[in-house]
């Protein structure tokens, strides 16, 4: 086995061991599309297109995974969503 193959194999193992979580936003009858879009742009660093698509998915499907990452990165983002009045959780 070459050194390059060993490195590639080690890298793949390290990537698979990292635990990723998601922020899920749920539909409600309170928040407007504009509010959800603006909040996703602010809290999750979405582009306006991403935020609009996520808001539509939330509306029609009932929920949407809006951000994936480590728990440490997602915790303050989820807090911002909750403080803005959205229904969200980290899974």
N, C-alpha and C. Protein backbone atom coordinates (compact mmCIF):
# COMPACT_ATOMS: atom_id res chain seq x y z
N UNK A 1 0.84 -1.17 0.00
CA UNK A 1 0.00 0.00 0.00
C UNK A 1 0.90 1.24 0.00
N UNK A 2 0.60 2.16 -0.88
CA UNK A 2 1.42 3.37 -0.99
C UNK A 2 1.07 4.34 0.14
N UNK A 3 1.94 5.31 0.34
CA UNK A 3 1.72 6.33 1.37
C UNK A 3 0.46 7.13 1.08
N UNK A 4 0.20 7.40 -0.21
CA UNK A 4 -0.98 8.17 -0.59
C UNK A 4 -2.26 7.39 -0.24
N UNK A 5 -2.27 6.08 -0.50
CA UNK A 5 -3.44 5.28 -0.18
C UNK A 5 -3.67 5.22 1.33
N UNK A 6 -2.59 5.11 2.12
CA UNK A 6 -2.72 5.09 3.58
C UNK A 6 -3.30 6.41 4.08
N UNK A 7 -2.83 7.51 3.54
CA UNK A 7 -3.34 8.82 3.94
C UNK A 7 -4.82 8.94 3.61
N UNK A 8 -5.20 8.53 2.41
CA UNK A 8 -6.59 8.61 1.99
C UNK A 8 -7.48 7.77 2.90
N UNK A 9 -7.01 6.57 3.24
CA UNK A 9 -7.77 5.70 4.11
C UNK A 9 -7.92 6.32 5.50
N UNK A 10 -6.86 6.89 6.05
CA UNK A 10 -6.92 7.53 7.36
C UNK A 10 -7.87 8.72 7.34
N UNK A 11 -7.83 9.51 6.29
CA UNK A 11 -8.70 10.68 6.17
C UNK A 11 -10.16 10.27 6.14
N UNK A 12 -10.50 9.24 5.39
CA UNK A 12 -11.88 8.79 5.30
C UNK A 12 -12.40 8.32 6.65
N UNK A 13 -11.57 7.65 7.44
CA UNK A 13 -11.98 7.19 8.76
C UNK A 13 -12.24 8.38 9.67
N UNK A 14 -11.37 9.40 9.64
CA UNK A 14 -11.55 10.58 10.48
C UNK A 14 -12.84 11.31 10.14
N UNK A 15 -13.17 11.42 8.87
CA UNK A 15 -14.38 12.12 8.45
C UNK A 15 -15.61 11.36 8.91
N UNK A 16 -15.61 10.05 8.84
CA UNK A 16 -16.77 9.27 9.23
C UNK A 16 -17.04 9.32 10.73
N UNK A 17 -16.00 9.55 11.55
CA UNK A 17 -16.17 9.55 12.99
C UNK A 17 -16.75 10.86 13.51
N UNK A 18 -16.74 11.92 12.73
CA UNK A 18 -17.25 13.20 13.18
C UNK A 18 -18.78 13.15 13.26
N UNK A 19 -19.31 13.55 14.42
CA UNK A 19 -20.76 13.54 14.64
C UNK A 19 -21.35 14.85 14.15
N UNK A 20 -22.27 14.78 13.20
CA UNK A 20 -22.94 15.97 12.69
C UNK A 20 -24.39 15.99 13.17
N UNK A 21 -24.85 17.16 13.50
CA UNK A 21 -26.23 17.36 13.91
C UNK A 21 -26.91 18.27 12.91
N UNK A 22 -28.23 18.40 13.05
CA UNK A 22 -29.00 19.28 12.16
C UNK A 22 -29.93 20.15 12.99
N UNK A 23 -30.15 21.37 12.50
CA UNK A 23 -31.22 22.19 13.05
C UNK A 23 -32.45 21.95 12.20
N UNK A 24 -33.52 21.57 12.84
CA UNK A 24 -34.80 21.36 12.17
C UNK A 24 -35.72 22.52 12.54
N UNK A 25 -36.30 23.17 11.54
CA UNK A 25 -37.28 24.22 11.76
C UNK A 25 -38.65 23.65 11.40
N UNK A 26 -39.64 23.91 12.27
CA UNK A 26 -40.98 23.38 12.09
C UNK A 26 -41.95 24.48 11.67
N UNK A 27 -42.98 24.08 10.97
CA UNK A 27 -44.01 25.02 10.50
C UNK A 27 -44.86 25.49 11.68
N UNK A 28 -45.32 26.72 11.59
CA UNK A 28 -46.28 27.24 12.55
C UNK A 28 -47.22 28.20 11.82
N UNK A 29 -48.24 28.63 12.50
CA UNK A 29 -49.22 29.53 11.90
C UNK A 29 -48.99 30.98 12.33
N UNK A 30 -47.84 31.27 12.91
CA UNK A 30 -47.59 32.58 13.48
C UNK A 30 -46.66 33.42 12.61
N UNK A 31 -45.54 32.84 12.20
CA UNK A 31 -44.50 33.61 11.51
C UNK A 31 -44.76 33.74 10.02
N UNK A 32 -44.44 34.91 9.49
CA UNK A 32 -44.60 35.15 8.05
C UNK A 32 -43.40 34.59 7.30
N UNK A 33 -43.58 34.42 6.00
CA UNK A 33 -42.47 33.96 5.16
C UNK A 33 -41.29 34.93 5.27
N UNK A 34 -41.57 36.21 5.22
CA UNK A 34 -40.50 37.20 5.29
C UNK A 34 -39.70 37.10 6.59
N UNK A 35 -40.41 36.90 7.69
CA UNK A 35 -39.72 36.78 8.98
C UNK A 35 -38.84 35.53 9.01
N UNK A 36 -39.36 34.41 8.54
CA UNK A 36 -38.58 33.17 8.52
C UNK A 36 -37.36 33.34 7.62
N UNK A 37 -37.54 33.92 6.46
CA UNK A 37 -36.43 34.11 5.51
C UNK A 37 -35.35 35.01 6.13
N UNK A 38 -35.77 36.13 6.69
CA UNK A 38 -34.80 37.05 7.30
C UNK A 38 -34.06 36.40 8.46
N UNK A 39 -34.76 35.60 9.24
CA UNK A 39 -34.14 34.94 10.38
C UNK A 39 -33.14 33.88 9.93
N UNK A 40 -33.48 33.12 8.89
CA UNK A 40 -32.55 32.11 8.38
C UNK A 40 -31.29 32.76 7.79
N UNK A 41 -31.46 33.89 7.15
CA UNK A 41 -30.30 34.61 6.60
C UNK A 41 -29.40 35.06 7.75
N UNK A 42 -30.02 35.60 8.79
CA UNK A 42 -29.26 36.12 9.93
C UNK A 42 -28.62 35.01 10.77
N UNK A 43 -29.41 34.03 11.16
CA UNK A 43 -28.95 33.02 12.12
C UNK A 43 -28.14 31.90 11.49
N UNK A 44 -28.47 31.54 10.25
CA UNK A 44 -27.83 30.37 9.62
C UNK A 44 -26.92 30.72 8.46
N UNK A 45 -26.72 32.01 8.21
CA UNK A 45 -25.87 32.46 7.11
C UNK A 45 -26.35 31.94 5.75
N UNK A 46 -27.66 31.84 5.58
CA UNK A 46 -28.22 31.42 4.30
C UNK A 46 -28.18 32.57 3.31
N UNK A 47 -28.13 32.22 2.03
CA UNK A 47 -28.38 33.21 1.01
C UNK A 47 -29.89 33.44 0.97
N UNK A 48 -30.33 34.48 0.30
CA UNK A 48 -31.78 34.72 0.24
C UNK A 48 -32.49 33.58 -0.48
N UNK A 49 -31.84 32.99 -1.48
CA UNK A 49 -32.44 31.86 -2.21
C UNK A 49 -32.57 30.63 -1.31
N UNK A 50 -31.51 30.33 -0.54
CA UNK A 50 -31.57 29.19 0.38
C UNK A 50 -32.68 29.38 1.40
N UNK A 51 -32.72 30.57 1.98
CA UNK A 51 -33.72 30.85 3.01
C UNK A 51 -35.13 30.74 2.46
N UNK A 52 -35.34 31.25 1.25
CA UNK A 52 -36.67 31.17 0.64
C UNK A 52 -37.06 29.72 0.38
N UNK A 53 -36.13 28.92 -0.13
CA UNK A 53 -36.43 27.51 -0.39
C UNK A 53 -36.74 26.77 0.90
N UNK A 54 -35.95 27.02 1.95
CA UNK A 54 -36.21 26.37 3.23
C UNK A 54 -37.57 26.77 3.79
N UNK A 55 -37.93 28.04 3.66
CA UNK A 55 -39.22 28.47 4.18
C UNK A 55 -40.37 27.80 3.44
N UNK A 56 -40.22 27.59 2.15
CA UNK A 56 -41.25 26.89 1.38
C UNK A 56 -41.33 25.42 1.78
N UNK A 57 -40.19 24.79 2.00
CA UNK A 57 -40.19 23.39 2.45
C UNK A 57 -40.86 23.28 3.81
N UNK A 58 -40.53 24.18 4.72
CA UNK A 58 -41.16 24.18 6.04
C UNK A 58 -42.67 24.33 5.91
N UNK A 59 -43.10 25.23 5.05
CA UNK A 59 -44.54 25.48 4.87
C UNK A 59 -45.27 24.27 4.31
N UNK A 60 -44.71 23.65 3.28
CA UNK A 60 -45.41 22.56 2.60
C UNK A 60 -45.15 21.19 3.19
N UNK A 61 -43.99 20.97 3.77
CA UNK A 61 -43.66 19.65 4.33
C UNK A 61 -43.81 19.60 5.85
N UNK A 62 -43.88 20.76 6.49
CA UNK A 62 -44.03 20.79 7.94
C UNK A 62 -42.73 20.96 8.70
N UNK A 63 -41.61 20.68 8.06
CA UNK A 63 -40.30 20.85 8.71
C UNK A 63 -39.22 20.82 7.65
N UNK A 64 -38.03 21.32 8.04
CA UNK A 64 -36.90 21.33 7.12
C UNK A 64 -35.61 21.39 7.93
N UNK A 65 -34.62 20.62 7.52
CA UNK A 65 -33.27 20.73 8.10
C UNK A 65 -32.60 21.94 7.46
N UNK A 66 -32.35 22.97 8.26
CA UNK A 66 -31.86 24.23 7.71
C UNK A 66 -30.36 24.40 7.86
N UNK A 67 -29.72 23.62 8.74
CA UNK A 67 -28.27 23.76 8.93
C UNK A 67 -27.74 22.46 9.50
N UNK A 68 -26.57 22.03 9.00
CA UNK A 68 -25.90 20.82 9.48
C UNK A 68 -24.52 21.21 9.97
N UNK A 69 -24.09 20.60 11.06
CA UNK A 69 -22.76 20.89 11.58
C UNK A 69 -22.57 20.29 12.96
N UNK A 70 -21.52 20.74 13.62
CA UNK A 70 -21.24 20.26 14.98
C UNK A 70 -22.23 20.90 15.95
N UNK A 71 -22.45 20.24 17.06
CA UNK A 71 -23.39 20.76 18.06
C UNK A 71 -22.96 22.14 18.55
N UNK A 72 -21.65 22.32 18.73
CA UNK A 72 -21.13 23.59 19.22
C UNK A 72 -21.44 24.74 18.26
N UNK A 73 -21.42 24.48 16.96
CA UNK A 73 -21.75 25.50 15.97
C UNK A 73 -23.25 25.76 15.91
N UNK A 74 -24.04 24.71 16.06
CA UNK A 74 -25.48 24.81 15.88
C UNK A 74 -26.20 25.40 17.10
N UNK A 75 -25.67 25.20 18.29
CA UNK A 75 -26.36 25.64 19.51
C UNK A 75 -26.68 27.14 19.49
N UNK A 76 -25.70 28.03 19.25
CA UNK A 76 -26.07 29.46 19.23
C UNK A 76 -26.99 29.83 18.07
N UNK A 77 -26.87 29.14 16.95
CA UNK A 77 -27.75 29.41 15.81
C UNK A 77 -29.19 29.03 16.15
N UNK A 78 -29.36 27.88 16.78
CA UNK A 78 -30.70 27.43 17.17
C UNK A 78 -31.29 28.38 18.20
N UNK A 79 -30.47 28.86 19.11
CA UNK A 79 -30.93 29.82 20.10
C UNK A 79 -31.44 31.09 19.43
N UNK A 80 -30.73 31.57 18.40
CA UNK A 80 -31.19 32.76 17.67
C UNK A 80 -32.54 32.50 17.00
N UNK A 81 -32.71 31.32 16.42
CA UNK A 81 -33.98 30.98 15.78
C UNK A 81 -35.11 30.96 16.81
N UNK A 82 -34.86 30.36 17.96
CA UNK A 82 -35.87 30.29 19.01
C UNK A 82 -36.22 31.68 19.55
N UNK A 83 -35.20 32.51 19.74
CA UNK A 83 -35.44 33.86 20.24
C UNK A 83 -36.23 34.70 19.23
N UNK A 84 -36.13 34.35 17.94
CA UNK A 84 -36.89 35.06 16.91
C UNK A 84 -38.31 34.53 16.78
N UNK A 85 -38.65 33.51 17.59
CA UNK A 85 -40.01 33.00 17.59
C UNK A 85 -40.25 31.81 16.69
N UNK A 86 -39.20 31.25 16.09
CA UNK A 86 -39.37 30.07 15.25
C UNK A 86 -39.35 28.83 16.10
N UNK A 87 -39.98 27.77 15.61
CA UNK A 87 -39.95 26.47 16.27
C UNK A 87 -38.80 25.67 15.68
N UNK A 88 -37.78 25.40 16.51
CA UNK A 88 -36.59 24.73 16.00
C UNK A 88 -35.99 23.85 17.08
N UNK A 89 -35.24 22.84 16.64
CA UNK A 89 -34.51 21.99 17.57
C UNK A 89 -33.30 21.40 16.87
N UNK A 90 -32.33 20.98 17.66
CA UNK A 90 -31.14 20.31 17.14
C UNK A 90 -31.33 18.82 17.30
N UNK A 91 -31.13 18.08 16.22
CA UNK A 91 -31.22 16.62 16.27
C UNK A 91 -29.93 16.01 15.80
